[in-house]
Structure formats: structure tokens, C-alpha cells
Amino acid sequence: MIDRAGLATFLRRRRESLQPEDVGLGRGQRRRTAGLRREEVAALCHMSTDYYARLERGTGPHPSEQMIASIAQGLHLSLDERDHVFRLAGHNAPARGADSDFVGPGLLRILDRLHDTPAEIVTELGETLRQTPLGVALTGDASERIGPARSLGYRWFTEPASQEAYPDEERAQLSRLYTAGLREIATMRGADSRAARLAARLRGESEEFARLWDAHEVGRRPPEVKRFRHPVVGELELSCQTLLDPDQSHRLLVYTAVPGSESYEKLELLAVVGASPMS
């Protein structure tokens, strides 16, 4: 059963404790509100200001699990806070760990500050959960992908266009990398895991994947420098720094170029031309 008063108080206290810079917003002038404004939180949570305001007043409808998940993410809640707000709303707390799409506040705070850098938060199956604007311009808008196609490894073997973003001479090695990585995850998570189900699906849909899977290769690691082929700015050579959230098995990937290099200048151009994704 929903605890309307408890939910309203929790949301209000959490909103008042956040500052604009905590969630990647500018402070602006003439700010009198303690913490964030309701309209700012509503935008972060992808809902109307009226809907959110009614929840804070305890007069709104019973929010769905999807709405509560969006609120938990928009307010940058911790895992314990997320579970608490789900229970206040009368829902069971979602699963934690590798199967969860909930991004921890630590990674979100870092991502919010990377306005001029291509970056993304991904699951262990290569599903992009959050992107910076320049990340969207570099690798495409992840929000448009659904089902198994959310996984880069799945798209790699089932959508030929996804390979066009990478140099021809590196594609065979990347195929081996994705297959070996999925085998390691499936073994670690078990036969009933999402990774194992994804592997079984790929074996039925891709002859290349089935051949590589049967080789039982593991231990391959990505190159230190990633090469991308972008339809607008051309080829880029980018280093990829990785930060791991061990609680959720999520990774923050940050792509950078050597200052003064041709790739550095191309990233600056990509920031100007905006989202013309590779695939």
C-alpha cells in the first residue's frame, strides 16, 4: 500500500537537499528556492511539473514502478534510497546488481560534469544507460534502442551497419573481443543469466558468432586506443578511460583525444555540429 504522506515528505526533503550543480544544472541568478525547484526535478525525472508537484503534496495518483524508477534516477538516489522510495510507493524494491538499469549517484555525478566530453555509462552486456550530448553525437542515441539491440555485442553480429563505425582491419578482432567477453560474463553469471540467454540467441542468429563461440576463447582485452569512423568528422583515435561501479557492474566510459592532435580538433568540431551519430 502506498504511503502518500511518507512519499511526499521524502521527495520534498530529497529535492531540498540537492543543489543544481549536484545534478549537472547551472545555478543561474535570483535563486531563492532551497535546493532544486520542482520544475527542475520534474525535467530530470521526465514528467510534468504538475504530476511531480502533486506527488509532493500527497494528492497525486499511485505512481507506477516506471515512474518511481525515473524519480529515483532523476533525484540521484542511492540504492538504499531507491529501495526506500519504491516501498513508500507500495512497490517491491527492484533487483540490484548486473541485471539492474539503475545508475548509482556516484557515476551520475561524474557524468553530469562531462559536458564537453564523449562519455557513456554501460552495463556489462554493452547496453548504454546514460550518455553525454557529445557521447550521443559520437556513438548514436541509445534511447532509441530496445530489446536485445540495446547491447552493442548483439548489434555487432546482427546489424551489419553497426560495424561500419569501425575500421575494416579491426572488425575481426572486435568480433573475437565481444564473443570472448560475453563467454566470460555468461560463465560468471550462470546458465540462467541474461548473458547466457543473449549468447544462445546470438548462436541462432549469427554464423560468425556461433563459430567464434565454439572456439571457447576468453581473456581478450580491448585496445588502449579506439578508432572510430564518423560520417561527419571522419576517423578519430580516442583513448578510453573506464570507471567501474562494482555494486551494479556498470562502467563509465570516457573518450578523450591527445590535445593538439587531429582527433582532438575533430572532437571539437563534433561538439559544434552536434548529433550526427555513426550508426
C-alpha atoms as a PDB file:
ATOM      1  CA  MET A   1       0.000   0.000   0.000  1.00  0.00           C
ATOM      2  CA  ILE A   2       1.260   3.450  -0.862  1.00  0.00           C
ATOM      3  CA  ASP A   3       2.355   5.733   1.968  1.00  0.00           C
ATOM      4  CA  ARG A   4       1.377   9.058   0.398  1.00  0.00           C
ATOM      5  CA  ALA A   5       2.487  11.232   3.282  1.00  0.00           C
ATOM      6  CA  GLY A   6       5.794   9.413   3.664  1.00  0.00           C
ATOM      7  CA  LEU A   7       6.456   9.551  -0.078  1.00  0.00           C
ATOM      8  CA  ALA A   8       5.606  13.244  -0.249  1.00  0.00           C
ATOM      9  CA  THR A   9       7.900  14.119   2.651  1.00  0.00           C
ATOM     10  CA  PHE A  10      10.764  12.009   1.339  1.00  0.00           C
ATOM     11  CA  LEU A  11      10.592  13.555  -2.143  1.00  0.00           C
ATOM     12  CA  ARG A  12      10.437  17.082  -0.744  1.00  0.00           C
ATOM     13  CA  ARG A  13      13.362  16.557   1.643  1.00  0.00           C
ATOM     14  CA  ARG A  14      15.444  14.965  -1.077  1.00  0.00           C
ATOM     15  CA  ARG A  15      14.694  17.779  -3.535  1.00  0.00           C
ATOM     16  CA  GLU A  16      15.595  20.428  -0.954  1.00  0.00           C
ATOM     17  CA  SER A  17      18.906  18.717  -0.188  1.00  0.00           C
ATOM     18  CA  LEU A  18      20.105  18.825  -3.811  1.00  0.00           C
ATOM     19  CA  GLN A  19      21.873  21.775  -5.395  1.00  0.00           C
ATOM     20  CA  PRO A  20      21.787  22.462  -9.160  1.00  0.00           C
ATOM     21  CA  GLU A  21      25.447  21.590  -9.573  1.00  0.00           C
ATOM     22  CA  ASP A  22      24.785  18.192  -7.945  1.00  0.00           C
ATOM     23  CA  VAL A  23      22.732  17.162 -10.970  1.00  0.00           C
ATOM     24  CA  GLY A  24      24.596  18.982 -13.724  1.00  0.00           C
ATOM     25  CA  LEU A  25      22.435  22.129 -13.811  1.00  0.00           C
ATOM     26  CA  GLY A  26      23.537  25.767 -13.786  1.00  0.00           C
ATOM     27  CA  ARG A  27      22.716  27.763 -10.688  1.00  0.00           C
ATOM     28  CA  GLY A  28      21.569  30.879 -12.519  1.00  0.00           C
ATOM     29  CA  GLN A  29      20.567  34.133 -10.843  1.00  0.00           C
ATOM     30  CA  ARG A  30      17.945  35.040  -8.240  1.00  0.00           C
ATOM     31  CA  ARG A  31      17.654  31.508  -6.881  1.00  0.00           C
ATOM     32  CA  ARG A  32      15.633  31.621  -3.677  1.00  0.00           C
ATOM     33  CA  THR A  33      14.464  28.014  -3.510  1.00  0.00           C
ATOM     34  CA  ALA A  34      16.183  25.741  -1.008  1.00  0.00           C
ATOM     35  CA  GLY A  35      17.662  23.058  -3.230  1.00  0.00           C
ATOM     36  CA  LEU A  36      16.130  22.312  -6.613  1.00  0.00           C
ATOM     37  CA  ARG A  37      12.897  23.732  -7.975  1.00  0.00           C
ATOM     38  CA  ARG A  38      10.016  21.359  -8.617  1.00  0.00           C
ATOM     39  CA  GLU A  39      10.151  22.063 -12.356  1.00  0.00           C
ATOM     40  CA  GLU A  40      13.848  21.148 -12.385  1.00  0.00           C
ATOM     41  CA  VAL A  41      13.196  17.832 -10.671  1.00  0.00           C
ATOM     42  CA  ALA A  42      10.267  17.127 -12.986  1.00  0.00           C
ATOM     43  CA  ALA A  43      12.506  17.676 -16.020  1.00  0.00           C
ATOM     44  CA  LEU A  44      15.188  15.401 -14.573  1.00  0.00           C
ATOM     45  CA  CYS A  45      12.541  12.730 -13.961  1.00  0.00           C
ATOM     46  CA  HIS A  46      10.923  13.115 -17.417  1.00  0.00           C
ATOM     47  CA  MET A  47       7.466  14.004 -16.131  1.00  0.00           C
ATOM     48  CA  SER A  48       5.248  17.057 -15.929  1.00  0.00           C
ATOM     49  CA  THR A  49       5.764  19.599 -13.173  1.00  0.00           C
ATOM     50  CA  ASP A  50       2.111  19.240 -12.152  1.00  0.00           C
ATOM     51  CA  TYR A  51       2.432  15.459 -11.755  1.00  0.00           C
ATOM     52  CA  TYR A  52       5.547  15.770  -9.622  1.00  0.00           C
ATOM     53  CA  ALA A  53       4.083  18.606  -7.520  1.00  0.00           C
ATOM     54  CA  ARG A  54       1.016  16.501  -6.734  1.00  0.00           C
ATOM     55  CA  LEU A  55       3.234  13.680  -5.504  1.00  0.00           C
ATOM     56  CA  GLU A  56       4.997  16.104  -3.165  1.00  0.00           C
ATOM     57  CA  ARG A  57       1.622  17.328  -1.885  1.00  0.00           C
ATOM     58  CA  GLY A  58       0.430  13.753  -1.348  1.00  0.00           C
ATOM     59  CA  THR A  59      -2.502  14.212  -3.718  1.00  0.00           C
ATOM     60  CA  GLY A  60      -1.170  12.560  -6.874  1.00  0.00           C
ATOM     61  CA  PRO A  61      -2.129   9.217  -8.417  1.00  0.00           C
ATOM     62  CA  HIS A  62      -0.467   5.976  -7.442  1.00  0.00           C
ATOM     63  CA  PRO A  63       2.836   6.173  -9.363  1.00  0.00           C
ATOM     64  CA  SER A  64       3.847   3.151 -11.393  1.00  0.00           C
ATOM     65  CA  GLU A  65       7.124   1.322 -10.918  1.00  0.00           C
ATOM     66  CA  GLN A  66       8.409   3.016 -14.071  1.00  0.00           C
ATOM     67  CA  MET A  67       7.590   6.441 -12.635  1.00  0.00           C
ATOM     68  CA  ILE A  68       9.299   5.669  -9.333  1.00  0.00           C
ATOM     69  CA  ALA A  69      12.359   4.356 -11.180  1.00  0.00           C
ATOM     70  CA  SER A  70      12.510   7.611 -13.146  1.00  0.00           C
ATOM     71  CA  ILE A  71      12.186   9.650  -9.945  1.00  0.00           C
ATOM     72  CA  ALA A  72      14.912   7.635  -8.227  1.00  0.00           C
ATOM     73  CA  GLN A  73      17.248   8.240 -11.142  1.00  0.00           C
ATOM     74  CA  GLY A  74      16.362  11.908 -11.546  1.00  0.00           C
ATOM     75  CA  LEU A  75      16.942  12.625  -7.850  1.00  0.00           C
ATOM     76  CA  HIS A  76      20.277  10.768  -7.934  1.00  0.00           C
ATOM     77  CA  LEU A  77      19.199   8.439  -5.134  1.00  0.00           C
ATOM     78  CA  SER A  78      21.497   5.827  -3.659  1.00  0.00           C
ATOM     79  CA  LEU A  79      20.487   2.176  -3.899  1.00  0.00           C
ATOM     80  CA  ASP A  80      19.127   2.202  -0.349  1.00  0.00           C
ATOM     81  CA  GLU A  81      17.178   5.401  -1.043  1.00  0.00           C
ATOM     82  CA  ARG A  82      15.836   3.927  -4.277  1.00  0.00           C
ATOM     83  CA  ASP A  83      14.592   0.824  -2.464  1.00  0.00           C
ATOM     84  CA  HIS A  84      13.016   3.028   0.222  1.00  0.00           C
ATOM     85  CA  VAL A  85      11.093   5.190  -2.248  1.00  0.00           C
ATOM     86  CA  PHE A  86       9.812   2.086  -4.063  1.00  0.00           C
ATOM     87  CA  ARG A  87       8.431   0.736  -0.798  1.00  0.00           C
ATOM     88  CA  LEU A  88       6.860   4.091   0.106  1.00  0.00           C
ATOM     89  CA  ALA A  89       5.087   3.965  -3.260  1.00  0.00           C
ATOM     90  CA  GLY A  90       3.768   0.475  -2.496  1.00  0.00           C
ATOM     91  CA  HIS A  91       6.087  -1.480  -4.806  1.00  0.00           C
ATOM     92  CA  ASN A  92       8.703  -4.133  -4.214  1.00  0.00           C
ATOM     93  CA  ALA A  93      12.279  -2.913  -4.494  1.00  0.00           C
ATOM     94  CA  PRO A  94      13.889  -3.853  -7.841  1.00  0.00           C
ATOM     95  CA  ALA A  95      16.794  -6.235  -8.180  1.00  0.00           C
ATOM     96  CA  ARG A  96      20.285  -4.954  -7.592  1.00  0.00           C
ATOM     97  CA  GLY A  97      23.467  -5.816  -9.429  1.00  0.00           C
ATOM     98  CA  ALA A  98      24.240  -6.711 -13.025  1.00  0.00           C
ATOM     99  CA  ASP A  99      20.596  -7.062 -14.119  1.00  0.00           C
ATOM    100  CA  SER A 100      19.664  -3.579 -12.923  1.00  0.00           C
ATOM    101  CA  ASP A 101      19.497  -0.474 -15.136  1.00  0.00           C
ATOM    102  CA  PHE A 102      19.636   1.818 -12.105  1.00  0.00           C
ATOM    103  CA  VAL A 103      22.735   4.017 -12.305  1.00  0.00           C
ATOM    104  CA  GLY A 104      24.369   4.847  -8.990  1.00  0.00           C
ATOM    105  CA  PRO A 105      24.648   8.527  -7.976  1.00  0.00           C
ATOM    106  CA  GLY A 106      28.446   8.435  -7.983  1.00  0.00           C
ATOM    107  CA  LEU A 107      28.692   7.673 -11.695  1.00  0.00           C
ATOM    108  CA  LEU A 108      25.870  10.113 -12.447  1.00  0.00           C
ATOM    109  CA  ARG A 109      27.637  12.965 -10.651  1.00  0.00           C
ATOM    110  CA  ILE A 110      30.741  12.406 -12.732  1.00  0.00           C
ATOM    111  CA  LEU A 111      28.779  12.080 -15.982  1.00  0.00           C
ATOM    112  CA  ASP A 112      26.902  15.325 -15.242  1.00  0.00           C
ATOM    113  CA  ARG A 113      30.212  17.210 -15.266  1.00  0.00           C
ATOM    114  CA  LEU A 114      31.438  15.888 -18.617  1.00  0.00           C
ATOM    115  CA  HIS A 115      29.575  18.377 -20.783  1.00  0.00           C
ATOM    116  CA  ASP A 116      32.330  18.691 -23.400  1.00  0.00           C
ATOM    117  CA  THR A 117      33.458  15.042 -23.433  1.00  0.00           C
ATOM    118  CA  PRO A 118      32.067  11.903 -25.110  1.00  0.00           C
ATOM    119  CA  ALA A 119      31.090   9.595 -22.278  1.00  0.00           C
ATOM    120  CA  GLU A 120      28.563   6.883 -21.522  1.00  0.00           C
ATOM    121  CA  ILE A 121      27.521   4.535 -18.735  1.00  0.00           C
ATOM    122  CA  VAL A 122      27.126   0.942 -19.898  1.00  0.00           C
ATOM    123  CA  THR A 123      26.125  -2.414 -18.440  1.00  0.00           C
ATOM    124  CA  GLU A 124      28.373  -5.462 -18.599  1.00  0.00           C
ATOM    125  CA  LEU A 125      26.414  -6.533 -21.710  1.00  0.00           C
ATOM    126  CA  GLY A 126      27.265  -3.309 -23.519  1.00  0.00           C
ATOM    127  CA  GLU A 127      23.866  -1.626 -23.025  1.00  0.00           C
ATOM    128  CA  THR A 128      24.233   2.145 -22.852  1.00  0.00           C
ATOM    129  CA  LEU A 129      22.211   3.578 -19.943  1.00  0.00           C
ATOM    130  CA  ARG A 130      23.298   7.236 -19.974  1.00  0.00           C
ATOM    131  CA  GLN A 131      25.233   9.443 -22.397  1.00  0.00           C
ATOM    132  CA  THR A 132      26.627  12.940 -22.553  1.00  0.00           C
ATOM    133  CA  PRO A 133      25.478  15.041 -25.541  1.00  0.00           C
ATOM    134  CA  LEU A 134      28.863  14.537 -27.212  1.00  0.00           C
ATOM    135  CA  GLY A 135      28.561  10.823 -26.488  1.00  0.00           C
ATOM    136  CA  VAL A 136      25.287  10.799 -28.426  1.00  0.00           C
ATOM    137  CA  ALA A 137      26.972  12.624 -31.299  1.00  0.00           C
ATOM    138  CA  LEU A 138      29.790  10.082 -31.340  1.00  0.00           C
ATOM    139  CA  THR A 139      28.035   6.737 -30.945  1.00  0.00           C
ATOM    140  CA  GLY A 140      24.323   7.423 -31.528  1.00  0.00           C
ATOM    141  CA  ASP A 141      21.288   7.923 -29.312  1.00  0.00           C
ATOM    142  CA  ALA A 142      20.989   4.877 -27.063  1.00  0.00           C
ATOM    143  CA  SER A 143      17.436   5.781 -26.042  1.00  0.00           C
ATOM    144  CA  GLU A 144      16.239   4.694 -29.500  1.00  0.00           C
ATOM    145  CA  ARG A 145      17.406   1.105 -28.979  1.00  0.00           C
ATOM    146  CA  ILE A 146      15.110  -1.526 -27.474  1.00  0.00           C
ATOM    147  CA  GLY A 147      15.213  -5.217 -26.652  1.00  0.00           C
ATOM    148  CA  PRO A 148      18.408  -7.186 -27.300  1.00  0.00           C
ATOM    149  CA  ALA A 149      19.521  -4.451 -29.719  1.00  0.00           C
ATOM    150  CA  ARG A 150      20.395  -2.355 -26.665  1.00  0.00           C
ATOM    151  CA  SER A 151      23.556  -4.482 -26.463  1.00  0.00           C
ATOM    152  CA  LEU A 152      26.432  -3.418 -28.687  1.00  0.00           C
ATOM    153  CA  GLY A 153      27.558  -7.036 -28.944  1.00  0.00           C
ATOM    154  CA  TYR A 154      24.141  -8.103 -30.222  1.00  0.00           C
ATOM    155  CA  ARG A 155      24.025  -5.314 -32.795  1.00  0.00           C
ATOM    156  CA  TRP A 156      27.567  -6.106 -33.862  1.00  0.00           C
ATOM    157  CA  PHE A 157      26.608  -9.588 -35.041  1.00  0.00           C
ATOM    158  CA  THR A 158      23.043  -8.933 -36.243  1.00  0.00           C
ATOM    159  CA  GLU A 159      23.141  -5.423 -37.729  1.00  0.00           C
ATOM    160  CA  PRO A 160      25.913  -5.052 -40.344  1.00  0.00           C
ATOM    161  CA  ALA A 161      25.616  -1.256 -40.251  1.00  0.00           C
ATOM    162  CA  SER A 162      26.883  -1.226 -36.667  1.00  0.00           C
ATOM    163  CA  GLN A 163      30.313  -2.388 -37.859  1.00  0.00           C
ATOM    164  CA  GLU A 164      30.665   0.487 -40.323  1.00  0.00           C
ATOM    165  CA  ALA A 165      31.666   2.784 -37.461  1.00  0.00           C
ATOM    166  CA  TYR A 166      34.951   0.881 -37.074  1.00  0.00           C
ATOM    167  CA  PRO A 167      37.946   0.352 -39.405  1.00  0.00           C
ATOM    168  CA  ASP A 168      37.708  -2.709 -41.652  1.00  0.00           C
ATOM    169  CA  GLU A 169      41.001  -4.140 -40.444  1.00  0.00           C
ATOM    170  CA  GLU A 170      39.869  -4.159 -36.790  1.00  0.00           C
ATOM    171  CA  ARG A 171      36.462  -5.783 -37.160  1.00  0.00           C
ATOM    172  CA  ALA A 172      37.617  -9.396 -36.910  1.00  0.00           C
ATOM    173  CA  GLN A 173      39.474  -8.643 -33.677  1.00  0.00           C
ATOM    174  CA  LEU A 174      36.471  -6.815 -32.261  1.00  0.00           C
ATOM    175  CA  SER A 175      34.247  -9.798 -33.078  1.00  0.00           C
ATOM    176  CA  ARG A 176      36.587 -12.027 -31.074  1.00  0.00           C
ATOM    177  CA  LEU A 177      36.659  -9.456 -28.252  1.00  0.00           C
ATOM    178  CA  TYR A 178      32.856  -9.285 -27.930  1.00  0.00           C
ATOM    179  CA  THR A 179      32.458 -13.062 -28.091  1.00  0.00           C
ATOM    180  CA  ALA A 180      35.154 -13.769 -25.512  1.00  0.00           C
ATOM    181  CA  GLY A 181      33.769 -11.100 -23.189  1.00  0.00           C
ATOM    182  CA  LEU A 182      30.238 -12.487 -23.391  1.00  0.00           C
ATOM    183  CA  ARG A 183      31.516 -16.003 -22.681  1.00  0.00           C
ATOM    184  CA  GLU A 184      33.285 -14.800 -19.535  1.00  0.00           C
ATOM    185  CA  ILE A 185      30.164 -12.979 -18.298  1.00  0.00           C
ATOM    186  CA  ALA A 186      27.846 -15.906 -19.087  1.00  0.00           C
ATOM    187  CA  THR A 187      30.131 -18.280 -17.205  1.00  0.00           C
ATOM    188  CA  MET A 188      30.349 -15.932 -14.228  1.00  0.00           C
ATOM    189  CA  ARG A 189      26.584 -15.235 -14.071  1.00  0.00           C
ATOM    190  CA  GLY A 190      25.376 -18.768 -14.771  1.00  0.00           C
ATOM    191  CA  ALA A 191      23.258 -20.690 -17.247  1.00  0.00           C
ATOM    192  CA  ASP A 192      20.052 -18.813 -16.393  1.00  0.00           C
ATOM    193  CA  SER A 193      21.586 -15.340 -16.722  1.00  0.00           C
ATOM    194  CA  ARG A 194      20.778 -12.653 -19.259  1.00  0.00           C
ATOM    195  CA  ALA A 195      24.281 -13.093 -20.670  1.00  0.00           C
ATOM    196  CA  ALA A 196      23.705 -16.806 -21.286  1.00  0.00           C
ATOM    197  CA  ARG A 197      20.345 -16.103 -22.932  1.00  0.00           C
ATOM    198  CA  LEU A 198      21.918 -13.448 -25.139  1.00  0.00           C
ATOM    199  CA  ALA A 199      24.639 -15.877 -26.205  1.00  0.00           C
ATOM    200  CA  ALA A 200      22.060 -18.554 -27.040  1.00  0.00           C
ATOM    201  CA  ARG A 201      20.110 -16.063 -29.132  1.00  0.00           C
ATOM    202  CA  LEU A 202      23.202 -14.920 -30.993  1.00  0.00           C
ATOM    203  CA  ARG A 203      24.215 -18.508 -31.750  1.00  0.00           C
ATOM    204  CA  GLY A 204      20.905 -18.938 -33.527  1.00  0.00           C
ATOM    205  CA  GLU A 205      21.098 -15.648 -35.443  1.00  0.00           C
ATOM    206  CA  SER A 206      24.756 -15.252 -36.397  1.00  0.00           C
ATOM    207  CA  GLU A 207      27.000 -17.829 -38.049  1.00  0.00           C
ATOM    208  CA  GLU A 208      30.041 -15.700 -37.243  1.00  0.00           C
ATOM    209  CA  PHE A 209      29.174 -15.565 -33.548  1.00  0.00           C
ATOM    210  CA  ALA A 210      28.445 -19.325 -33.427  1.00  0.00           C
ATOM    211  CA  ARG A 211      31.841 -20.084 -34.968  1.00  0.00           C
ATOM    212  CA  LEU A 212      33.689 -17.807 -32.549  1.00  0.00           C
ATOM    213  CA  TRP A 213      31.668 -19.042 -29.572  1.00  0.00           C
ATOM    214  CA  ASP A 214      32.618 -22.636 -30.332  1.00  0.00           C
ATOM    215  CA  ALA A 215      36.296 -21.621 -30.172  1.00  0.00           C
ATOM    216  CA  HIS A 216      35.891 -21.072 -26.392  1.00  0.00           C
ATOM    217  CA  GLU A 217      38.239 -18.091 -26.414  1.00  0.00           C
ATOM    218  CA  VAL A 218      38.496 -15.919 -23.278  1.00  0.00           C
ATOM    219  CA  GLY A 219      40.837 -13.311 -21.876  1.00  0.00           C
ATOM    220  CA  ARG A 220      40.812 -10.849 -24.763  1.00  0.00           C
ATOM    221  CA  ARG A 221      41.076  -7.191 -23.764  1.00  0.00           C
ATOM    222  CA  PRO A 222      40.123  -4.026 -25.694  1.00  0.00           C
ATOM    223  CA  PRO A 223      42.871  -1.926 -27.285  1.00  0.00           C
ATOM    224  CA  GLU A 224      44.148   1.109 -25.389  1.00  0.00           C
ATOM    225  CA  VAL A 225      43.248   3.368 -28.328  1.00  0.00           C
ATOM    226  CA  LYS A 226      39.860   3.016 -30.010  1.00  0.00           C
ATOM    227  CA  ARG A 227      39.456   4.029 -33.645  1.00  0.00           C
ATOM    228  CA  PHE A 228      36.081   5.324 -34.827  1.00  0.00           C
ATOM    229  CA  ARG A 229      34.827   6.216 -38.304  1.00  0.00           C
ATOM    230  CA  HIS A 230      32.340   9.066 -38.058  1.00  0.00           C
ATOM    231  CA  PRO A 231      30.229  10.061 -41.091  1.00  0.00           C
ATOM    232  CA  VAL A 232      30.751  13.790 -40.476  1.00  0.00           C
ATOM    233  CA  VAL A 233      34.219  14.308 -38.991  1.00  0.00           C
ATOM    234  CA  GLY A 234      35.932  11.176 -40.302  1.00  0.00           C
ATOM    235  CA  GLU A 235      38.287   8.868 -38.418  1.00  0.00           C
ATOM    236  CA  LEU A 236      39.108   9.508 -34.765  1.00  0.00           C
ATOM    237  CA  GLU A 237      41.635   7.874 -32.451  1.00  0.00           C
ATOM    238  CA  LEU A 238      40.431   8.091 -28.853  1.00  0.00           C
ATOM    239  CA  SER A 239      41.667   6.753 -25.556  1.00  0.00           C
ATOM    240  CA  CYS A 240      39.012   5.195 -23.346  1.00  0.00           C
ATOM    241  CA  GLN A 241      39.189   5.596 -19.565  1.00  0.00           C
ATOM    242  CA  THR A 242      36.936   3.309 -17.541  1.00  0.00           C
ATOM    243  CA  LEU A 243      35.457   3.716 -14.065  1.00  0.00           C
ATOM    244  CA  LEU A 244      33.664   0.730 -12.523  1.00  0.00           C
ATOM    245  CA  ASP A 245      30.701   0.713 -10.142  1.00  0.00           C
ATOM    246  CA  PRO A 246      31.178  -2.732  -8.549  1.00  0.00           C
ATOM    247  CA  ASP A 247      27.746  -2.723  -6.889  1.00  0.00           C
ATOM    248  CA  GLN A 248      25.900  -2.537 -10.217  1.00  0.00           C
ATOM    249  CA  SER A 249      28.589  -3.850 -12.607  1.00  0.00           C
ATOM    250  CA  HIS A 250      28.220  -0.636 -14.579  1.00  0.00           C
ATOM    251  CA  ARG A 251      31.094   1.169 -16.284  1.00  0.00           C
ATOM    252  CA  LEU A 252      31.584   4.818 -17.064  1.00  0.00           C
ATOM    253  CA  LEU A 253      33.472   5.092 -20.369  1.00  0.00           C
ATOM    254  CA  VAL A 254      35.157   8.425 -21.100  1.00  0.00           C
ATOM    255  CA  TYR A 255      36.668   9.033 -24.548  1.00  0.00           C
ATOM    256  CA  THR A 256      39.498  11.540 -24.891  1.00  0.00           C
ATOM    257  CA  ALA A 257      41.934  12.632 -27.600  1.00  0.00           C
ATOM    258  CA  VAL A 258      45.518  13.829 -27.281  1.00  0.00           C
ATOM    259  CA  PRO A 259      45.433  17.663 -27.026  1.00  0.00           C
ATOM    260  CA  GLY A 260      46.557  19.279 -30.262  1.00  0.00           C
ATOM    261  CA  SER A 261      46.038  16.119 -32.307  1.00  0.00           C
ATOM    262  CA  GLU A 262      43.830  15.827 -35.374  1.00  0.00           C
ATOM    263  CA  SER A 263      41.354  13.728 -33.386  1.00  0.00           C
ATOM    264  CA  TYR A 264      41.216  16.456 -30.713  1.00  0.00           C
ATOM    265  CA  GLU A 265      40.256  19.023 -33.358  1.00  0.00           C
ATOM    266  CA  LYS A 266      37.650  16.647 -34.780  1.00  0.00           C
ATOM    267  CA  LEU A 267      36.067  16.220 -31.346  1.00  0.00           C
ATOM    268  CA  GLU A 268      35.824  19.993 -31.065  1.00  0.00           C
ATOM    269  CA  LEU A 269      34.136  20.089 -34.475  1.00  0.00           C
ATOM    270  CA  LEU A 270      31.770  17.279 -33.444  1.00  0.00           C
ATOM    271  CA  ALA A 271      30.737  19.322 -30.411  1.00  0.00           C
ATOM    272  CA  VAL A 272      29.715  22.118 -32.788  1.00  0.00           C
ATOM    273  CA  VAL A 273      27.906  20.074 -35.446  1.00  0.00           C
ATOM    274  CA  GLY A 274      26.062  18.039 -32.819  1.00  0.00           C
ATOM    275  CA  ALA A 275      24.339  14.709 -33.004  1.00  0.00           C
ATOM    276  CA  SER A 276      25.141  13.138 -36.363  1.00  0.00           C
ATOM    277  CA  PRO A 277      25.655   9.628 -34.975  1.00  0.00           C
ATOM    278  CA  MET A 278      27.780   6.944 -36.543  1.00  0.00           C
ATOM    279  CA  SER A 279      25.060   4.308 -36.677  1.00  0.00           C
END
